[in-house]
Every structure is written in C-alpha cells, then in structure tokens.
Amino acid sequence: LMRWVDLFWIIEPNFMKGLGITIADFVVPIAIGGFWLAYFFRNLGSLPLLPAFDPSAGEVLEIDPTH
C-alpha cells in the first residue's frame, strides 16, 4: 500500500494542478493485475507442476509418519 502512495506522491503532481484522485487511479492497477493473473493461470494450466521424470519424486511424495 505504501508503495502505491509513494508512486502517487511522486508521479501524480506532475500531471495535475492539485491533489486529485480519479477512478482511473484505482481501475488501471486492478486491470493490469487482472491481465497478469489471467496470463499466469493460463500458463499454469499448460505446464506440469512437478517434473515428469524426476528420480527422487517417489521419495519426496512419500508420506513420512514422523512429521
């Protein structure tokens, strides 16, 4: 949150005479985040989460009763 306040404080006064907040100040970061999440989840579904031929996969996925 403070990073957004910092960016607003540095950038916004160069464009406006006075401190003004518009709807675009909220919509644009949310839209960019939405596009990023859509791209991320699209790529996440196209690739396996675990390596296909990992020799230690059985050992890693085995349930250990001591933990």
PDB file of N, CA and C in Angstrom:
ATOM      1  N   LEU A   1       0.830  -1.195   0.000  1.00  0.00           N
ATOM      2  CA  LEU A   1       0.000   0.000   0.000  1.00  0.00           C
ATOM      3  C   LEU A   1       0.871   1.255   0.000  1.00  0.00           C
ATOM      4  N   MET A   2       1.896   1.245   0.827  1.00  0.00           N
ATOM      5  CA  MET A   2       2.740   2.443   0.898  1.00  0.00           C
ATOM      6  C   MET A   2       3.516   2.669  -0.398  1.00  0.00           C
ATOM      7  N   ARG A   3       3.810   1.602  -1.132  1.00  0.00           N
ATOM      8  CA  ARG A   3       4.481   1.770  -2.417  1.00  0.00           C
ATOM      9  C   ARG A   3       3.568   2.514  -3.391  1.00  0.00           C
ATOM     10  N   TRP A   4       2.263   2.206  -3.360  1.00  0.00           N
ATOM     11  CA  TRP A   4       1.309   2.902  -4.221  1.00  0.00           C
ATOM     12  C   TRP A   4       1.191   4.365  -3.814  1.00  0.00           C
ATOM     13  N   VAL A   5       1.199   4.633  -2.527  1.00  0.00           N
ATOM     14  CA  VAL A   5       1.152   6.021  -2.048  1.00  0.00           C
ATOM     15  C   VAL A   5       2.402   6.760  -2.506  1.00  0.00           C
ATOM     16  N   ASP A   6       3.554   6.093  -2.425  1.00  0.00           N
ATOM     17  CA  ASP A   6       4.809   6.702  -2.860  1.00  0.00           C
ATOM     18  C   ASP A   6       4.773   7.017  -4.354  1.00  0.00           C
ATOM     19  N   LEU A   7       4.328   6.063  -5.158  1.00  0.00           N
ATOM     20  CA  LEU A   7       4.240   6.305  -6.601  1.00  0.00           C
ATOM     21  C   LEU A   7       3.265   7.433  -6.924  1.00  0.00           C
ATOM     22  N   PHE A   8       2.142   7.460  -6.239  1.00  0.00           N
ATOM     23  CA  PHE A   8       1.169   8.527  -6.452  1.00  0.00           C
ATOM     24  C   PHE A   8       1.775   9.874  -6.087  1.00  0.00           C
ATOM     25  N   TRP A   9       2.482   9.921  -4.969  1.00  0.00           N
ATOM     26  CA  TRP A   9       3.062  11.168  -4.483  1.00  0.00           C
ATOM     27  C   TRP A   9       4.121  11.702  -5.442  1.00  0.00           C
ATOM     28  N   ILE A  10       4.874  10.799  -6.073  1.00  0.00           N
ATOM     29  CA  ILE A  10       5.941  11.215  -6.981  1.00  0.00           C
ATOM     30  C   ILE A  10       5.397  11.560  -8.367  1.00  0.00           C
ATOM     31  N   ILE A  11       4.494  10.771  -8.898  1.00  0.00           N
ATOM     32  CA  ILE A  11       4.070  10.903 -10.290  1.00  0.00           C
ATOM     33  C   ILE A  11       2.892  11.851 -10.471  1.00  0.00           C
ATOM     34  N   GLU A  12       1.888  11.750  -9.657  1.00  0.00           N
ATOM     35  CA  GLU A  12       0.624  12.459  -9.878  1.00  0.00           C
ATOM     36  C   GLU A  12       0.754  13.983  -9.902  1.00  0.00           C
ATOM     37  N   PRO A  13       1.542  14.614  -9.048  1.00  0.00           N
ATOM     38  CA  PRO A  13       1.613  16.082  -9.110  1.00  0.00           C
ATOM     39  C   PRO A  13       2.155  16.627 -10.432  1.00  0.00           C
ATOM     40  N   ASN A  14       2.873  15.830 -11.191  1.00  0.00           N
ATOM     41  CA  ASN A  14       3.369  16.289 -12.480  1.00  0.00           C
ATOM     42  C   ASN A  14       2.261  16.415 -13.517  1.00  0.00           C
ATOM     43  N   PHE A  15       1.166  15.732 -13.324  1.00  0.00           N
ATOM     44  CA  PHE A  15       0.088  15.738 -14.295  1.00  0.00           C
ATOM     45  C   PHE A  15      -1.062  16.662 -13.917  1.00  0.00           C
ATOM     46  N   MET A  16      -1.252  16.927 -12.640  1.00  0.00           N
ATOM     47  CA  MET A  16      -2.411  17.697 -12.197  1.00  0.00           C
ATOM     48  C   MET A  16      -1.986  18.909 -11.378  1.00  0.00           C
ATOM     49  N   LYS A  17      -2.825  19.910 -11.416  1.00  0.00           N
ATOM     50  CA  LYS A  17      -2.647  21.068 -10.542  1.00  0.00           C
ATOM     51  C   LYS A  17      -3.494  20.823  -9.306  1.00  0.00           C
ATOM     52  N   GLY A  18      -2.921  20.308  -8.285  1.00  0.00           N
ATOM     53  CA  GLY A  18      -3.677  19.964  -7.077  1.00  0.00           C
ATOM     54  C   GLY A  18      -3.766  18.456  -6.916  1.00  0.00           C
ATOM     55  N   LEU A  19      -4.141  18.037  -5.749  1.00  0.00           N
ATOM     56  CA  LEU A  19      -4.215  16.616  -5.454  1.00  0.00           C
ATOM     57  C   LEU A  19      -5.599  16.094  -5.809  1.00  0.00           C
ATOM     58  N   GLY A  20      -5.677  15.327  -6.876  1.00  0.00           N
ATOM     59  CA  GLY A  20      -6.954  14.783  -7.304  1.00  0.00           C
ATOM     60  C   GLY A  20      -6.844  13.296  -7.561  1.00  0.00           C
ATOM     61  N   ILE A  21      -7.823  12.566  -7.122  1.00  0.00           N
ATOM     62  CA  ILE A  21      -7.854  11.128  -7.345  1.00  0.00           C
ATOM     63  C   ILE A  21      -9.033  10.836  -8.263  1.00  0.00           C
ATOM     64  N   THR A  22      -8.757  10.138  -9.337  1.00  0.00           N
ATOM     65  CA  THR A  22      -9.807   9.775 -10.282  1.00  0.00           C
ATOM     66  C   THR A  22     -10.068   8.277 -10.198  1.00  0.00           C
ATOM     67  N   ILE A  23     -11.092   7.839 -10.893  1.00  0.00           N
ATOM     68  CA  ILE A  23     -11.432   6.421 -10.914  1.00  0.00           C
ATOM     69  C   ILE A  23     -10.340   5.611 -11.604  1.00  0.00           C
ATOM     70  N   ALA A  24      -9.622   6.225 -12.528  1.00  0.00           N
ATOM     71  CA  ALA A  24      -8.548   5.528 -13.235  1.00  0.00           C
ATOM     72  C   ALA A  24      -7.398   5.161 -12.303  1.00  0.00           C
ATOM     73  N   ASP A  25      -7.210   5.918 -11.228  1.00  0.00           N
ATOM     74  CA  ASP A  25      -6.156   5.599 -10.268  1.00  0.00           C
ATOM     75  C   ASP A  25      -6.398   4.254  -9.594  1.00  0.00           C
ATOM     76  N   PHE A  26      -7.631   3.791  -9.577  1.00  0.00           N
ATOM     77  CA  PHE A  26      -7.955   2.501  -8.979  1.00  0.00           C
ATOM     78  C   PHE A  26      -8.169   1.417 -10.037  1.00  0.00           C
ATOM     79  N   VAL A  27      -8.785   1.801 -11.155  1.00  0.00           N
ATOM     80  CA  VAL A  27      -9.158   0.822 -12.173  1.00  0.00           C
ATOM     81  C   VAL A  27      -7.942   0.301 -12.930  1.00  0.00           C
ATOM     82  N   VAL A  28      -7.012   1.153 -13.278  1.00  0.00           N
ATOM     83  CA  VAL A  28      -5.865   0.739 -14.090  1.00  0.00           C
ATOM     84  C   VAL A  28      -4.993  -0.290 -13.368  1.00  0.00           C
ATOM     85  N   PRO A  29      -4.584  -0.086 -12.102  1.00  0.00           N
ATOM     86  CA  PRO A  29      -3.795  -1.140 -11.438  1.00  0.00           C
ATOM     87  C   PRO A  29      -4.563  -2.454 -11.284  1.00  0.00           C
ATOM     88  N   ILE A  30      -5.866  -2.377 -11.033  1.00  0.00           N
ATOM     89  CA  ILE A  30      -6.665  -3.601 -10.914  1.00  0.00           C
ATOM     90  C   ILE A  30      -6.753  -4.311 -12.265  1.00  0.00           C
ATOM     91  N   ALA A  31      -6.904  -3.554 -13.343  1.00  0.00           N
ATOM     92  CA  ALA A  31      -6.974  -4.150 -14.680  1.00  0.00           C
ATOM     93  C   ALA A  31      -5.647  -4.794 -15.059  1.00  0.00           C
ATOM     94  N   ILE A  32      -4.545  -4.125 -14.780  1.00  0.00           N
ATOM     95  CA  ILE A  32      -3.233  -4.699 -15.083  1.00  0.00           C
ATOM     96  C   ILE A  32      -3.019  -5.969 -14.271  1.00  0.00           C
ATOM     97  N   GLY A  33      -3.394  -5.942 -13.002  1.00  0.00           N
ATOM     98  CA  GLY A  33      -3.288  -7.140 -12.172  1.00  0.00           C
ATOM     99  C   GLY A  33      -4.174  -8.264 -12.681  1.00  0.00           C
ATOM    100  N   GLY A  34      -5.355  -7.932 -13.171  1.00  0.00           N
ATOM    101  CA  GLY A  34      -6.249  -8.941 -13.731  1.00  0.00           C
ATOM    102  C   GLY A  34      -5.677  -9.588 -14.981  1.00  0.00           C
ATOM    103  N   PHE A  35      -5.095  -8.772 -15.861  1.00  0.00           N
ATOM    104  CA  PHE A  35      -4.453  -9.331 -17.050  1.00  0.00           C
ATOM    105  C   PHE A  35      -3.284 -10.225 -16.664  1.00  0.00           C
ATOM    106  N   TRP A  36      -2.497  -9.793 -15.682  1.00  0.00           N
ATOM    107  CA  TRP A  36      -1.360 -10.592 -15.243  1.00  0.00           C
ATOM    108  C   TRP A  36      -1.823 -11.920 -14.650  1.00  0.00           C
ATOM    109  N   LEU A  37      -2.852 -11.893 -13.802  1.00  0.00           N
ATOM    110  CA  LEU A  37      -3.362 -13.130 -13.204  1.00  0.00           C
ATOM    111  C   LEU A  37      -3.940 -14.067 -14.264  1.00  0.00           C
ATOM    112  N   ALA A  38      -4.653 -13.524 -15.245  1.00  0.00           N
ATOM    113  CA  ALA A  38      -5.201 -14.358 -16.316  1.00  0.00           C
ATOM    114  C   ALA A  38      -4.075 -15.024 -17.099  1.00  0.00           C
ATOM    115  N   TYR A  39      -3.037 -14.288 -17.413  1.00  0.00           N
ATOM    116  CA  TYR A  39      -1.888 -14.845 -18.131  1.00  0.00           C
ATOM    117  C   TYR A  39      -1.189 -15.898 -17.285  1.00  0.00           C
ATOM    118  N   PHE A  40      -1.014 -15.630 -15.999  1.00  0.00           N
ATOM    119  CA  PHE A  40      -0.349 -16.552 -15.085  1.00  0.00           C
ATOM    120  C   PHE A  40      -1.116 -17.866 -14.980  1.00  0.00           C
ATOM    121  N   PHE A  41      -2.436 -17.798 -14.749  1.00  0.00           N
ATOM    122  CA  PHE A  41      -3.215 -19.019 -14.586  1.00  0.00           C
ATOM    123  C   PHE A  41      -3.363 -19.782 -15.897  1.00  0.00           C
ATOM    124  N   ARG A  42      -3.358 -19.076 -17.019  1.00  0.00           N
ATOM    125  CA  ARG A  42      -3.394 -19.754 -18.312  1.00  0.00           C
ATOM    126  C   ARG A  42      -2.117 -20.555 -18.525  1.00  0.00           C
ATOM    127  N   ASN A  43      -0.978 -19.968 -18.196  1.00  0.00           N
ATOM    128  CA  ASN A  43       0.290 -20.678 -18.327  1.00  0.00           C
ATOM    129  C   ASN A  43       0.445 -21.760 -17.267  1.00  0.00           C
ATOM    130  N   LEU A  44      -0.110 -21.553 -16.095  1.00  0.00           N
ATOM    131  CA  LEU A  44      -0.015 -22.535 -15.026  1.00  0.00           C
ATOM    132  C   LEU A  44      -0.722 -23.829 -15.408  1.00  0.00           C
ATOM    133  N   GLY A  45      -1.828 -23.729 -16.098  1.00  0.00           N
ATOM    134  CA  GLY A  45      -2.563 -24.916 -16.512  1.00  0.00           C
ATOM    135  C   GLY A  45      -1.919 -25.657 -17.669  1.00  0.00           C
ATOM    136  N   SER A  46      -1.043 -25.019 -18.413  1.00  0.00           N
ATOM    137  CA  SER A  46      -0.455 -25.654 -19.586  1.00  0.00           C
ATOM    138  C   SER A  46       0.823 -26.420 -19.275  1.00  0.00           C
ATOM    139  N   LEU A  47       1.381 -26.248 -18.098  1.00  0.00           N
ATOM    140  CA  LEU A  47       2.629 -26.920 -17.739  1.00  0.00           C
ATOM    141  C   LEU A  47       2.434 -27.758 -16.484  1.00  0.00           C
ATOM    142  N   PRO A  48       3.155 -28.879 -16.374  1.00  0.00           N
ATOM    143  CA  PRO A  48       3.038 -29.690 -15.156  1.00  0.00           C
ATOM    144  C   PRO A  48       3.702 -28.990 -13.974  1.00  0.00           C
ATOM    145  N   LEU A  49       3.132 -29.186 -12.782  1.00  0.00           N
ATOM    146  CA  LEU A  49       3.698 -28.567 -11.592  1.00  0.00           C
ATOM    147  C   LEU A  49       4.882 -29.351 -11.039  1.00  0.00           C
ATOM    148  N   LEU A  50       4.928 -30.649 -11.332  1.00  0.00           N
ATOM    149  CA  LEU A  50       6.038 -31.495 -10.898  1.00  0.00           C
ATOM    150  C   LEU A  50       6.786 -32.003 -12.121  1.00  0.00           C
ATOM    151  N   PRO A  51       8.095 -32.186 -12.019  1.00  0.00           N
ATOM    152  CA  PRO A  51       8.854 -32.707 -13.153  1.00  0.00           C
ATOM    153  C   PRO A  51       8.404 -34.127 -13.511  1.00  0.00           C
ATOM    154  N   ALA A  52       8.375 -34.437 -14.787  1.00  0.00           N
ATOM    155  CA  ALA A  52       7.845 -35.718 -15.248  1.00  0.00           C
ATOM    156  C   ALA A  52       8.758 -36.894 -14.911  1.00  0.00           C
ATOM    157  N   PHE A  53      10.052 -36.741 -15.042  1.00  0.00           N
ATOM    158  CA  PHE A  53      10.971 -37.867 -14.871  1.00  0.00           C
ATOM    159  C   PHE A  53      11.979 -37.603 -13.761  1.00  0.00           C
ATOM    160  N   ASP A  54      11.526 -37.110 -12.649  1.00  0.00           N
ATOM    161  CA  ASP A  54      12.404 -36.832 -11.511  1.00  0.00           C
ATOM    162  C   ASP A  54      12.657 -38.131 -10.744  1.00  0.00           C
ATOM    163  N   PRO A  55      13.923 -38.554 -10.598  1.00  0.00           N
ATOM    164  CA  PRO A  55      14.191 -39.817  -9.898  1.00  0.00           C
ATOM    165  C   PRO A  55      13.859 -39.771  -8.407  1.00  0.00           C
ATOM    166  N   SER A  56      13.810 -38.598  -7.798  1.00  0.00           N
ATOM    167  CA  SER A  56      13.518 -38.513  -6.366  1.00  0.00           C
ATOM    168  C   SER A  56      12.056 -38.175  -6.085  1.00  0.00           C
ATOM    169  N   ALA A  57      11.197 -38.228  -7.095  1.00  0.00           N
ATOM    170  CA  ALA A  57       9.796 -37.847  -6.906  1.00  0.00           C
ATOM    171  C   ALA A  57       9.080 -38.789  -5.943  1.00  0.00           C
ATOM    172  N   GLY A  58       9.346 -40.081  -6.032  1.00  0.00           N
ATOM    173  CA  GLY A  58       8.702 -41.029  -5.126  1.00  0.00           C
ATOM    174  C   GLY A  58       9.089 -40.785  -3.684  1.00  0.00           C
ATOM    175  N   GLU A  59      10.335 -40.463  -3.453  1.00  0.00           N
ATOM    176  CA  GLU A  59      10.823 -40.188  -2.098  1.00  0.00           C
ATOM    177  C   GLU A  59      10.223 -38.898  -1.543  1.00  0.00           C
ATOM    178  N   VAL A  60      10.079 -37.915  -2.381  1.00  0.00           N
ATOM    179  CA  VAL A  60       9.543 -36.627  -1.944  1.00  0.00           C
ATOM    180  C   VAL A  60       8.049 -36.734  -1.651  1.00  0.00           C
ATOM    181  N   LEU A  61       7.319 -37.467  -2.470  1.00  0.00           N
ATOM    182  CA  LEU A  61       5.873 -37.568  -2.318  1.00  0.00           C
ATOM    183  C   LEU A  61       5.445 -38.606  -1.283  1.00  0.00           C
ATOM    184  N   GLU A  62       6.386 -39.393  -0.790  1.00  0.00           N
ATOM    185  CA  GLU A  62       6.071 -40.419   0.208  1.00  0.00           C
ATOM    186  C   GLU A  62       5.695 -39.769   1.536  1.00  0.00           C
ATOM    187  N   ILE A  63       4.659 -40.293   2.175  1.00  0.00           N
ATOM    188  CA  ILE A  63       4.208 -39.753   3.458  1.00  0.00           C
ATOM    189  C   ILE A  63       5.111 -40.283   4.558  1.00  0.00           C
ATOM    190  N   ASP A  64       5.659 -39.375   5.346  1.00  0.00           N
ATOM    191  CA  ASP A  64       6.557 -39.735   6.439  1.00  0.00           C
ATOM    192  C   ASP A  64       5.777 -39.683   7.749  1.00  0.00           C
ATOM    193  N   PRO A  65       5.657 -40.797   8.464  1.00  0.00           N
ATOM    194  CA  PRO A  65       4.856 -40.790   9.695  1.00  0.00           C
ATOM    195  C   PRO A  65       5.485 -39.991  10.838  1.00  0.00           C
ATOM    196  N   THR A  66       6.753 -39.625  10.718  1.00  0.00           N
ATOM    197  CA  THR A  66       7.393 -38.872  11.805  1.00  0.00           C
ATOM    198  C   THR A  66       7.090 -37.388  11.745  1.00  0.00           C
ATOM    199  N   HIS A  67       6.511 -36.930  10.668  1.00  0.00           N
ATOM    200  CA  HIS A  67       6.222 -35.494  10.563  1.00  0.00           C
ATOM    201  C   HIS A  67       4.780 -35.223  10.723  1.00  0.00           C
TER     202      HIS A  67
END
